[in-house]
Amino acid sequence: MLENQKIRPAQVIGPLGEPLTLDSLPAAGTTRWVVRRKAEVVAAVAGGLLSVDEACARYTLSLEEFTSWQRAVDRSGMPGLRVTRIKHYREQYERQQRY
C-alpha cells in the first residue's frame, strides 16, 4: 500500500538557498511573474514539492511555458528567466553549443 502513496518532501531548497514549502510558494492566482517567483516554482518541481501537472494547474501555466522556464534555468540560471533578456541568453546559449 505504501508504494502507491506519493512521498513528498516537506520542504526543498529554493533558488536563493532558502527553504521552500507549499505555503511559501507564490500564491495560486499569481499573474505577475518576476524572476524569483518563476525560479521558486521551477525549484519546487525539481525538488518534488509539486509535480509539473500540479504546478501548471495551480498557476494556470501551459506545459510549454513551464518547460521554457526550466530550460532557461538550466541554461542560464535565474538571469535566464528575465523576459527582457530572453533573446540575449538564447543567442549566448546557441553560441556555446557551436563551440
PDB file of N, CA and C in Angstrom:
ATOM      1  N   MET A   1       0.816  -1.187   0.000  1.00  0.00           N
ATOM      2  CA  MET A   1       0.000   0.000   0.000  1.00  0.00           C
ATOM      3  C   MET A   1       0.865   1.258   0.000  1.00  0.00           C
ATOM      4  N   LEU A   2       1.988   1.260   0.685  1.00  0.00           N
ATOM      5  CA  LEU A   2       2.838   2.440   0.740  1.00  0.00           C
ATOM      6  C   LEU A   2       3.411   2.816  -0.608  1.00  0.00           C
ATOM      7  N   GLU A   3       3.660   1.824  -1.456  1.00  0.00           N
ATOM      8  CA  GLU A   3       4.235   2.158  -2.751  1.00  0.00           C
ATOM      9  C   GLU A   3       3.280   2.937  -3.641  1.00  0.00           C
ATOM     10  N   ASN A   4       1.984   2.912  -3.352  1.00  0.00           N
ATOM     11  CA  ASN A   4       1.010   3.665  -4.143  1.00  0.00           C
ATOM     12  C   ASN A   4       0.891   5.119  -3.681  1.00  0.00           C
ATOM     13  N   GLN A   5       1.407   5.426  -2.501  1.00  0.00           N
ATOM     14  CA  GLN A   5       1.327   6.785  -1.989  1.00  0.00           C
ATOM     15  C   GLN A   5       2.513   7.587  -2.493  1.00  0.00           C
ATOM     16  N   LYS A   6       2.255   8.833  -2.783  1.00  0.00           N
ATOM     17  CA  LYS A   6       3.335   9.714  -3.217  1.00  0.00           C
ATOM     18  C   LYS A   6       3.994  10.311  -1.985  1.00  0.00           C
ATOM     19  N   ILE A   7       5.272  10.092  -1.860  1.00  0.00           N
ATOM     20  CA  ILE A   7       6.014  10.653  -0.745  1.00  0.00           C
ATOM     21  C   ILE A   7       6.686  11.926  -1.229  1.00  0.00           C
ATOM     22  N   ARG A   8       6.372  13.012  -0.556  1.00  0.00           N
ATOM     23  CA  ARG A   8       6.909  14.309  -0.942  1.00  0.00           C
ATOM     24  C   ARG A   8       7.686  14.907   0.216  1.00  0.00           C
ATOM     25  N   PRO A   9       8.690  15.678  -0.118  1.00  0.00           N
ATOM     26  CA  PRO A   9       9.415  16.357   0.962  1.00  0.00           C
ATOM     27  C   PRO A   9       8.547  17.478   1.541  1.00  0.00           C
ATOM     28  N   ALA A  10       8.769  17.791   2.791  1.00  0.00           N
ATOM     29  CA  ALA A  10       8.040  18.889   3.432  1.00  0.00           C
ATOM     30  C   ALA A  10       8.557  20.229   2.932  1.00  0.00           C
ATOM     31  N   GLN A  11       9.834  20.258   2.538  1.00  0.00           N
ATOM     32  CA  GLN A  11      10.421  21.481   2.012  1.00  0.00           C
ATOM     33  C   GLN A  11      11.569  21.131   1.082  1.00  0.00           C
ATOM     34  N   VAL A  12      11.884  22.065   0.215  1.00  0.00           N
ATOM     35  CA  VAL A  12      13.035  21.947  -0.687  1.00  0.00           C
ATOM     36  C   VAL A  12      13.832  23.240  -0.595  1.00  0.00           C
ATOM     37  N   ILE A  13      15.033  23.211  -1.098  1.00  0.00           N
ATOM     38  CA  ILE A  13      15.859  24.416  -1.096  1.00  0.00           C
ATOM     39  C   ILE A  13      15.509  25.247  -2.331  1.00  0.00           C
ATOM     40  N   GLY A  14      15.197  26.507  -2.099  1.00  0.00           N
ATOM     41  CA  GLY A  14      14.810  27.411  -3.177  1.00  0.00           C
ATOM     42  C   GLY A  14      16.006  27.948  -3.935  1.00  0.00           C
ATOM     43  N   PRO A  15      15.760  28.752  -4.952  1.00  0.00           N
ATOM     44  CA  PRO A  15      16.828  29.266  -5.804  1.00  0.00           C
ATOM     45  C   PRO A  15      17.794  30.204  -5.087  1.00  0.00           C
ATOM     46  N   LEU A  16      17.366  30.793  -3.985  1.00  0.00           N
ATOM     47  CA  LEU A  16      18.226  31.699  -3.233  1.00  0.00           C
ATOM     48  C   LEU A  16      18.795  31.041  -1.981  1.00  0.00           C
ATOM     49  N   GLY A  17      18.601  29.711  -1.861  1.00  0.00           N
ATOM     50  CA  GLY A  17      19.139  28.967  -0.744  1.00  0.00           C
ATOM     51  C   GLY A  17      18.221  28.878   0.469  1.00  0.00           C
ATOM     52  N   GLU A  18      17.045  29.453   0.389  1.00  0.00           N
ATOM     53  CA  GLU A  18      16.099  29.425   1.498  1.00  0.00           C
ATOM     54  C   GLU A  18      15.173  28.215   1.345  1.00  0.00           C
ATOM     55  N   PRO A  19      14.627  27.699   2.448  1.00  0.00           N
ATOM     56  CA  PRO A  19      13.698  26.563   2.341  1.00  0.00           C
ATOM     57  C   PRO A  19      12.369  27.004   1.727  1.00  0.00           C
ATOM     58  N   LEU A  20      11.842  26.178   0.852  1.00  0.00           N
ATOM     59  CA  LEU A  20      10.533  26.426   0.233  1.00  0.00           C
ATOM     60  C   LEU A  20       9.559  25.349   0.688  1.00  0.00           C
ATOM     61  N   THR A  21       8.375  25.762   1.078  1.00  0.00           N
ATOM     62  CA  THR A  21       7.299  24.838   1.396  1.00  0.00           C
ATOM     63  C   THR A  21       6.121  25.175   0.488  1.00  0.00           C
ATOM     64  N   LEU A  22       5.092  24.356   0.524  1.00  0.00           N
ATOM     65  CA  LEU A  22       3.906  24.658  -0.282  1.00  0.00           C
ATOM     66  C   LEU A  22       3.313  26.008   0.110  1.00  0.00           C
ATOM     67  N   ASP A  23       3.378  26.344   1.393  1.00  0.00           N
ATOM     68  CA  ASP A  23       2.823  27.613   1.859  1.00  0.00           C
ATOM     69  C   ASP A  23       3.661  28.819   1.451  1.00  0.00           C
ATOM     70  N   SER A  24       4.960  28.606   1.246  1.00  0.00           N
ATOM     71  CA  SER A  24       5.818  29.745   0.899  1.00  0.00           C
ATOM     72  C   SER A  24       5.951  29.957  -0.607  1.00  0.00           C
ATOM     73  N   LEU A  25       5.356  29.069  -1.407  1.00  0.00           N
ATOM     74  CA  LEU A  25       5.373  29.253  -2.865  1.00  0.00           C
ATOM     75  C   LEU A  25       4.495  30.441  -3.237  1.00  0.00           C
ATOM     76  N   PRO A  26       4.681  30.981  -4.431  1.00  0.00           N
ATOM     77  CA  PRO A  26       3.800  32.079  -4.871  1.00  0.00           C
ATOM     78  C   PRO A  26       2.328  31.674  -4.788  1.00  0.00           C
ATOM     79  N   ALA A  27       1.476  32.639  -4.564  1.00  0.00           N
ATOM     80  CA  ALA A  27       0.034  32.382  -4.459  1.00  0.00           C
ATOM     81  C   ALA A  27      -0.494  31.766  -5.740  1.00  0.00           C
ATOM     82  N   ALA A  28      -1.538  30.968  -5.607  1.00  0.00           N
ATOM     83  CA  ALA A  28      -2.093  30.248  -6.753  1.00  0.00           C
ATOM     84  C   ALA A  28      -2.589  31.178  -7.859  1.00  0.00           C
ATOM     85  N   GLY A  29      -3.040  32.347  -7.543  1.00  0.00           N
ATOM     86  CA  GLY A  29      -3.561  33.266  -8.548  1.00  0.00           C
ATOM     87  C   GLY A  29      -2.537  34.227  -9.112  1.00  0.00           C
ATOM     88  N   THR A  30      -1.272  33.946  -8.931  1.00  0.00           N
ATOM     89  CA  THR A  30      -0.222  34.867  -9.364  1.00  0.00           C
ATOM     90  C   THR A  30      -0.291  35.107 -10.870  1.00  0.00           C
ATOM     91  N   THR A  31      -0.267  36.380 -11.239  1.00  0.00           N
ATOM     92  CA  THR A  31      -0.256  36.728 -12.667  1.00  0.00           C
ATOM     93  C   THR A  31       0.988  37.516 -13.043  1.00  0.00           C
ATOM     94  N   ARG A  32       1.623  38.137 -12.065  1.00  0.00           N
ATOM     95  CA  ARG A  32       2.844  38.913 -12.322  1.00  0.00           C
ATOM     96  C   ARG A  32       4.038  38.042 -11.948  1.00  0.00           C
ATOM     97  N   TRP A  33       4.753  37.576 -12.955  1.00  0.00           N
ATOM     98  CA  TRP A  33       5.831  36.619 -12.754  1.00  0.00           C
ATOM     99  C   TRP A  33       7.188  37.303 -12.819  1.00  0.00           C
ATOM    100  N   VAL A  34       7.781  37.529 -11.661  1.00  0.00           N
ATOM    101  CA  VAL A  34       9.139  38.041 -11.607  1.00  0.00           C
ATOM    102  C   VAL A  34      10.089  36.845 -11.584  1.00  0.00           C
ATOM    103  N   VAL A  35      11.351  37.108 -11.804  1.00  0.00           N
ATOM    104  CA  VAL A  35      12.354  36.044 -11.903  1.00  0.00           C
ATOM    105  C   VAL A  35      12.334  35.146 -10.672  1.00  0.00           C
ATOM    106  N   ARG A  36      12.308  35.719  -9.487  1.00  0.00           N
ATOM    107  CA  ARG A  36      12.352  34.929  -8.253  1.00  0.00           C
ATOM    108  C   ARG A  36      11.175  33.963  -8.160  1.00  0.00           C
ATOM    109  N   ARG A  37       9.975  34.410  -8.496  1.00  0.00           N
ATOM    110  CA  ARG A  37       8.793  33.543  -8.412  1.00  0.00           C
ATOM    111  C   ARG A  37       8.878  32.395  -9.410  1.00  0.00           C
ATOM    112  N   LYS A  38       9.306  32.697 -10.628  1.00  0.00           N
ATOM    113  CA  LYS A  38       9.475  31.630 -11.621  1.00  0.00           C
ATOM    114  C   LYS A  38      10.478  30.600 -11.127  1.00  0.00           C
ATOM    115  N   ALA A  39      11.606  31.082 -10.596  1.00  0.00           N
ATOM    116  CA  ALA A  39      12.653  30.182 -10.121  1.00  0.00           C
ATOM    117  C   ALA A  39      12.172  29.345  -8.936  1.00  0.00           C
ATOM    118  N   GLU A  40      11.330  29.913  -8.087  1.00  0.00           N
ATOM    119  CA  GLU A  40      10.791  29.154  -6.959  1.00  0.00           C
ATOM    120  C   GLU A  40       9.904  28.015  -7.440  1.00  0.00           C
ATOM    121  N   VAL A  41       9.074  28.265  -8.426  1.00  0.00           N
ATOM    122  CA  VAL A  41       8.200  27.219  -8.945  1.00  0.00           C
ATOM    123  C   VAL A  41       9.032  26.120  -9.621  1.00  0.00           C
ATOM    124  N   VAL A  42      10.042  26.504 -10.386  1.00  0.00           N
ATOM    125  CA  VAL A  42      10.912  25.521 -11.031  1.00  0.00           C
ATOM    126  C   VAL A  42      11.635  24.688  -9.969  1.00  0.00           C
ATOM    127  N   ALA A  43      12.131  25.320  -8.911  1.00  0.00           N
ATOM    128  CA  ALA A  43      12.821  24.606  -7.838  1.00  0.00           C
ATOM    129  C   ALA A  43      11.874  23.665  -7.100  1.00  0.00           C
ATOM    130  N   ALA A  44      10.631  24.083  -6.902  1.00  0.00           N
ATOM    131  CA  ALA A  44       9.650  23.241  -6.220  1.00  0.00           C
ATOM    132  C   ALA A  44       9.369  21.978  -7.027  1.00  0.00           C
ATOM    133  N   VAL A  45       9.264  22.110  -8.331  1.00  0.00           N
ATOM    134  CA  VAL A  45       9.031  20.945  -9.184  1.00  0.00           C
ATOM    135  C   VAL A  45      10.276  20.056  -9.216  1.00  0.00           C
ATOM    136  N   ALA A  46      11.444  20.666  -9.344  1.00  0.00           N
ATOM    137  CA  ALA A  46      12.683  19.893  -9.383  1.00  0.00           C
ATOM    138  C   ALA A  46      12.907  19.127  -8.085  1.00  0.00           C
ATOM    139  N   GLY A  47      12.506  19.715  -6.961  1.00  0.00           N
ATOM    140  CA  GLY A  47      12.693  19.068  -5.668  1.00  0.00           C
ATOM    141  C   GLY A  47      11.591  18.101  -5.287  1.00  0.00           C
ATOM    142  N   GLY A  48      10.531  18.019  -6.084  1.00  0.00           N
ATOM    143  CA  GLY A  48       9.448  17.084  -5.812  1.00  0.00           C
ATOM    144  C   GLY A  48       8.345  17.627  -4.933  1.00  0.00           C
ATOM    145  N   LEU A  49       8.382  18.921  -4.640  1.00  0.00           N
ATOM    146  CA  LEU A  49       7.334  19.526  -3.824  1.00  0.00           C
ATOM    147  C   LEU A  49       6.013  19.589  -4.594  1.00  0.00           C
ATOM    148  N   LEU A  50       6.103  19.822  -5.888  1.00  0.00           N
ATOM    149  CA  LEU A  50       4.946  19.830  -6.803  1.00  0.00           C
ATOM    150  C   LEU A  50       5.301  18.998  -8.028  1.00  0.00           C
ATOM    151  N   SER A  51       4.300  18.440  -8.667  1.00  0.00           N
ATOM    152  CA  SER A  51       4.540  17.813  -9.966  1.00  0.00           C
ATOM    153  C   SER A  51       4.370  18.890 -11.040  1.00  0.00           C
ATOM    154  N   VAL A  52       4.809  18.599 -12.226  1.00  0.00           N
ATOM    155  CA  VAL A  52       4.652  19.558 -13.332  1.00  0.00           C
ATOM    156  C   VAL A  52       3.175  19.845 -13.557  1.00  0.00           C
ATOM    157  N   ASP A  53       2.357  18.801 -13.549  1.00  0.00           N
ATOM    158  CA  ASP A  53       0.920  18.995 -13.770  1.00  0.00           C
ATOM    159  C   ASP A  53       0.294  19.850 -12.676  1.00  0.00           C
ATOM    160  N   GLU A  54       0.689  19.625 -11.437  1.00  0.00           N
ATOM    161  CA  GLU A  54       0.155  20.426 -10.331  1.00  0.00           C
ATOM    162  C   GLU A  54       0.582  21.881 -10.455  1.00  0.00           C
ATOM    163  N   ALA A  55       1.828  22.109 -10.824  1.00  0.00           N
ATOM    164  CA  ALA A  55       2.312  23.487 -10.980  1.00  0.00           C
ATOM    165  C   ALA A  55       1.558  24.191 -12.101  1.00  0.00           C
ATOM    166  N   CYS A  56       1.378  23.510 -13.219  1.00  0.00           N
ATOM    167  CA  CYS A  56       0.654  24.123 -14.343  1.00  0.00           C
ATOM    168  C   CYS A  56      -0.793  24.429 -13.967  1.00  0.00           C
ATOM    169  N   ALA A  57      -1.436  23.521 -13.251  1.00  0.00           N
ATOM    170  CA  ALA A  57      -2.825  23.749 -12.845  1.00  0.00           C
ATOM    171  C   ALA A  57      -2.914  24.854 -11.795  1.00  0.00           C
ATOM    172  N   ARG A  58      -2.020  24.843 -10.827  1.00  0.00           N
ATOM    173  CA  ARG A  58      -2.052  25.825  -9.739  1.00  0.00           C
ATOM    174  C   ARG A  58      -1.831  27.248 -10.240  1.00  0.00           C
ATOM    175  N   TYR A  59      -0.950  27.393 -11.234  1.00  0.00           N
ATOM    176  CA  TYR A  59      -0.600  28.726 -11.720  1.00  0.00           C
ATOM    177  C   TYR A  59      -1.146  29.019 -13.114  1.00  0.00           C
ATOM    178  N   THR A  60      -2.030  28.188 -13.606  1.00  0.00           N
ATOM    179  CA  THR A  60      -2.610  28.308 -14.954  1.00  0.00           C
ATOM    180  C   THR A  60      -1.535  28.583 -16.009  1.00  0.00           C
ATOM    181  N   LEU A  61      -0.528  27.710 -16.021  1.00  0.00           N
ATOM    182  CA  LEU A  61       0.550  27.792 -16.995  1.00  0.00           C
ATOM    183  C   LEU A  61       0.358  26.696 -18.034  1.00  0.00           C
ATOM    184  N   SER A  62       0.808  26.964 -19.234  1.00  0.00           N
ATOM    185  CA  SER A  62       0.842  25.886 -20.223  1.00  0.00           C
ATOM    186  C   SER A  62       2.107  25.074 -19.970  1.00  0.00           C
ATOM    187  N   LEU A  63       2.101  23.855 -20.421  1.00  0.00           N
ATOM    188  CA  LEU A  63       3.276  22.999 -20.270  1.00  0.00           C
ATOM    189  C   LEU A  63       4.473  23.620 -20.977  1.00  0.00           C
ATOM    190  N   GLU A  64       4.234  24.239 -22.123  1.00  0.00           N
ATOM    191  CA  GLU A  64       5.309  24.883 -22.884  1.00  0.00           C
ATOM    192  C   GLU A  64       5.924  26.042 -22.107  1.00  0.00           C
ATOM    193  N   GLU A  65       5.075  26.826 -21.450  1.00  0.00           N
ATOM    194  CA  GLU A  65       5.594  27.958 -20.679  1.00  0.00           C
ATOM    195  C   GLU A  65       6.453  27.462 -19.520  1.00  0.00           C
ATOM    196  N   PHE A  66       5.962  26.455 -18.804  1.00  0.00           N
ATOM    197  CA  PHE A  66       6.735  25.946 -17.685  1.00  0.00           C
ATOM    198  C   PHE A  66       8.052  25.326 -18.153  1.00  0.00           C
ATOM    199  N   THR A  67       8.023  24.555 -19.216  1.00  0.00           N
ATOM    200  CA  THR A  67       9.269  23.942 -19.687  1.00  0.00           C
ATOM    201  C   THR A  67      10.243  24.991 -20.213  1.00  0.00           C
ATOM    202  N   SER A  68       9.730  26.116 -20.717  1.00  0.00           N
ATOM    203  CA  SER A  68      10.634  27.187 -21.135  1.00  0.00           C
ATOM    204  C   SER A  68      11.338  27.782 -19.915  1.00  0.00           C
ATOM    205  N   TRP A  69      10.635  27.870 -18.783  1.00  0.00           N
ATOM    206  CA  TRP A  69      11.266  28.333 -17.544  1.00  0.00           C
ATOM    207  C   TRP A  69      12.354  27.355 -17.117  1.00  0.00           C
ATOM    208  N   GLN A  70      12.044  26.058 -17.162  1.00  0.00           N
ATOM    209  CA  GLN A  70      13.037  25.048 -16.786  1.00  0.00           C
ATOM    210  C   GLN A  70      14.275  25.130 -17.671  1.00  0.00           C
ATOM    211  N   ARG A  71      14.053  25.254 -18.975  1.00  0.00           N
ATOM    212  CA  ARG A  71      15.178  25.361 -19.916  1.00  0.00           C
ATOM    213  C   ARG A  71      16.020  26.592 -19.619  1.00  0.00           C
ATOM    214  N   ALA A  72      15.365  27.709 -19.348  1.00  0.00           N
ATOM    215  CA  ALA A  72      16.080  28.954 -19.073  1.00  0.00           C
ATOM    216  C   ALA A  72      16.944  28.818 -17.818  1.00  0.00           C
ATOM    217  N   VAL A  73      16.409  28.188 -16.785  1.00  0.00           N
ATOM    218  CA  VAL A  73      17.175  27.985 -15.553  1.00  0.00           C
ATOM    219  C   VAL A  73      18.340  27.035 -15.809  1.00  0.00           C
ATOM    220  N   ASP A  74      18.101  25.969 -16.544  1.00  0.00           N
ATOM    221  CA  ASP A  74      19.166  25.008 -16.848  1.00  0.00           C
ATOM    222  C   ASP A  74      20.285  25.649 -17.658  1.00  0.00           C
ATOM    223  N   ARG A  75      19.928  26.491 -18.585  1.00  0.00           N
ATOM    224  CA  ARG A  75      20.925  27.100 -19.478  1.00  0.00           C
ATOM    225  C   ARG A  75      21.655  28.273 -18.854  1.00  0.00           C
ATOM    226  N   SER A  76      20.917  29.164 -18.196  1.00  0.00           N
ATOM    227  CA  SER A  76      21.499  30.446 -17.759  1.00  0.00           C
ATOM    228  C   SER A  76      21.263  30.780 -16.301  1.00  0.00           C
ATOM    229  N   GLY A  77      20.654  29.887 -15.550  1.00  0.00           N
ATOM    230  CA  GLY A  77      20.342  30.200 -14.160  1.00  0.00           C
ATOM    231  C   GLY A  77      19.206  31.197 -14.064  1.00  0.00           C
ATOM    232  N   MET A  78      19.080  31.810 -12.921  1.00  0.00           N
ATOM    233  CA  MET A  78      17.986  32.767 -12.713  1.00  0.00           C
ATOM    234  C   MET A  78      17.996  33.927 -13.705  1.00  0.00           C
ATOM    235  N   PRO A  79      19.156  34.468 -14.102  1.00  0.00           N
ATOM    236  CA  PRO A  79      19.120  35.573 -15.067  1.00  0.00           C
ATOM    237  C   PRO A  79      18.459  35.180 -16.397  1.00  0.00           C
ATOM    238  N   GLY A  80      18.473  33.907 -16.742  1.00  0.00           N
ATOM    239  CA  GLY A  80      17.840  33.462 -17.981  1.00  0.00           C
ATOM    240  C   GLY A  80      16.333  33.607 -17.975  1.00  0.00           C
ATOM    241  N   LEU A  81      15.735  33.803 -16.803  1.00  0.00           N
ATOM    242  CA  LEU A  81      14.284  33.958 -16.691  1.00  0.00           C
ATOM    243  C   LEU A  81      13.818  35.386 -16.940  1.00  0.00           C
ATOM    244  N   ARG A  82      14.748  36.303 -17.089  1.00  0.00           N
ATOM    245  CA  ARG A  82      14.363  37.694 -17.331  1.00  0.00           C
ATOM    246  C   ARG A  82      13.762  37.830 -18.726  1.00  0.00           C
ATOM    247  N   VAL A  83      12.540  38.281 -18.792  1.00  0.00           N
ATOM    248  CA  VAL A  83      11.832  38.394 -20.060  1.00  0.00           C
ATOM    249  C   VAL A  83      12.525  39.367 -21.002  1.00  0.00           C
ATOM    250  N   THR A  84      13.076  40.434 -20.455  1.00  0.00           N
ATOM    251  CA  THR A  84      13.694  41.448 -21.304  1.00  0.00           C
ATOM    252  C   THR A  84      15.005  40.976 -21.914  1.00  0.00           C
ATOM    253  N   ARG A  85      15.566  39.885 -21.429  1.00  0.00           N
ATOM    254  CA  ARG A  85      16.859  39.415 -21.916  1.00  0.00           C
ATOM    255  C   ARG A  85      16.783  38.031 -22.563  1.00  0.00           C
ATOM    256  N   ILE A  86      15.601  37.531 -22.877  1.00  0.00           N
ATOM    257  CA  ILE A  86      15.454  36.183 -23.440  1.00  0.00           C
ATOM    258  C   ILE A  86      16.295  36.021 -24.692  1.00  0.00           C
ATOM    259  N   LYS A  87      16.210  36.968 -25.592  1.00  0.00           N
ATOM    260  CA  LYS A  87      16.947  36.864 -26.853  1.00  0.00           C
ATOM    261  C   LYS A  87      18.451  36.800 -26.596  1.00  0.00           C
ATOM    262  N   HIS A  88      18.933  37.625 -25.694  1.00  0.00           N
ATOM    263  CA  HIS A  88      20.365  37.647 -25.373  1.00  0.00           C
ATOM    264  C   HIS A  88      20.821  36.281 -24.859  1.00  0.00           C
ATOM    265  N   TYR A  89      20.106  35.714 -23.899  1.00  0.00           N
ATOM    266  CA  TYR A  89      20.521  34.434 -23.326  1.00  0.00           C
ATOM    267  C   TYR A  89      20.362  33.289 -24.321  1.00  0.00           C
ATOM    268  N   ARG A  90      19.345  33.355 -25.171  1.00  0.00           N
ATOM    269  CA  ARG A  90      19.175  32.317 -26.188  1.00  0.00           C
ATOM    270  C   ARG A  90      20.349  32.339 -27.165  1.00  0.00           C
ATOM    271  N   GLU A  91      20.732  33.534 -27.615  1.00  0.00           N
ATOM    272  CA  GLU A  91      21.872  33.648 -28.533  1.00  0.00           C
ATOM    273  C   GLU A  91      23.167  33.200 -27.869  1.00  0.00           C
ATOM    274  N   GLN A  92      23.348  33.554 -26.623  1.00  0.00           N
ATOM    275  CA  GLN A  92      24.541  33.147 -25.885  1.00  0.00           C
ATOM    276  C   GLN A  92      24.607  31.618 -25.775  1.00  0.00           C
ATOM    277  N   TYR A  93      23.487  30.977 -25.471  1.00  0.00           N
ATOM    278  CA  TYR A  93      23.447  29.519 -25.368  1.00  0.00           C
ATOM    279  C   TYR A  93      23.752  28.878 -26.719  1.00  0.00           C
ATOM    280  N   GLU A  94      23.167  29.412 -27.782  1.00  0.00           N
ATOM    281  CA  GLU A  94      23.395  28.842 -29.120  1.00  0.00           C
ATOM    282  C   GLU A  94      24.857  28.981 -29.534  1.00  0.00           C
ATOM    283  N   ARG A  95      25.482  30.100 -29.186  1.00  0.00           N
ATOM    284  CA  ARG A  95      26.924  30.270 -29.485  1.00  0.00           C
ATOM    285  C   ARG A  95      27.750  29.233 -28.739  1.00  0.00           C
ATOM    286  N   GLN A  96      27.413  28.974 -27.484  1.00  0.00           N
ATOM    287  CA  GLN A  96      28.158  27.997 -26.703  1.00  0.00           C
ATOM    288  C   GLN A  96      27.997  26.596 -27.287  1.00  0.00           C
ATOM    289  N   GLN A  97      26.839  26.300 -27.835  1.00  0.00           N
ATOM    290  CA  GLN A  97      26.606  24.975 -28.396  1.00  0.00           C
ATOM    291  C   GLN A  97      27.413  24.736 -29.672  1.00  0.00           C
ATOM    292  N   ARG A  98      27.743  25.814 -30.388  1.00  0.00           N
ATOM    293  CA  ARG A  98      28.508  25.681 -31.632  1.00  0.00           C
ATOM    294  C   ARG A  98      29.971  25.360 -31.378  1.00  0.00           C
ATOM    295  N   TYR A  99      30.503  25.761 -30.239  1.00  0.00           N
ATOM    296  CA  TYR A  99      31.937  25.595 -29.978  1.00  0.00           C
ATOM    297  C   TYR A  99      32.234  24.471 -29.046  1.00  0.00           C
TER     298      TYR A  99
END
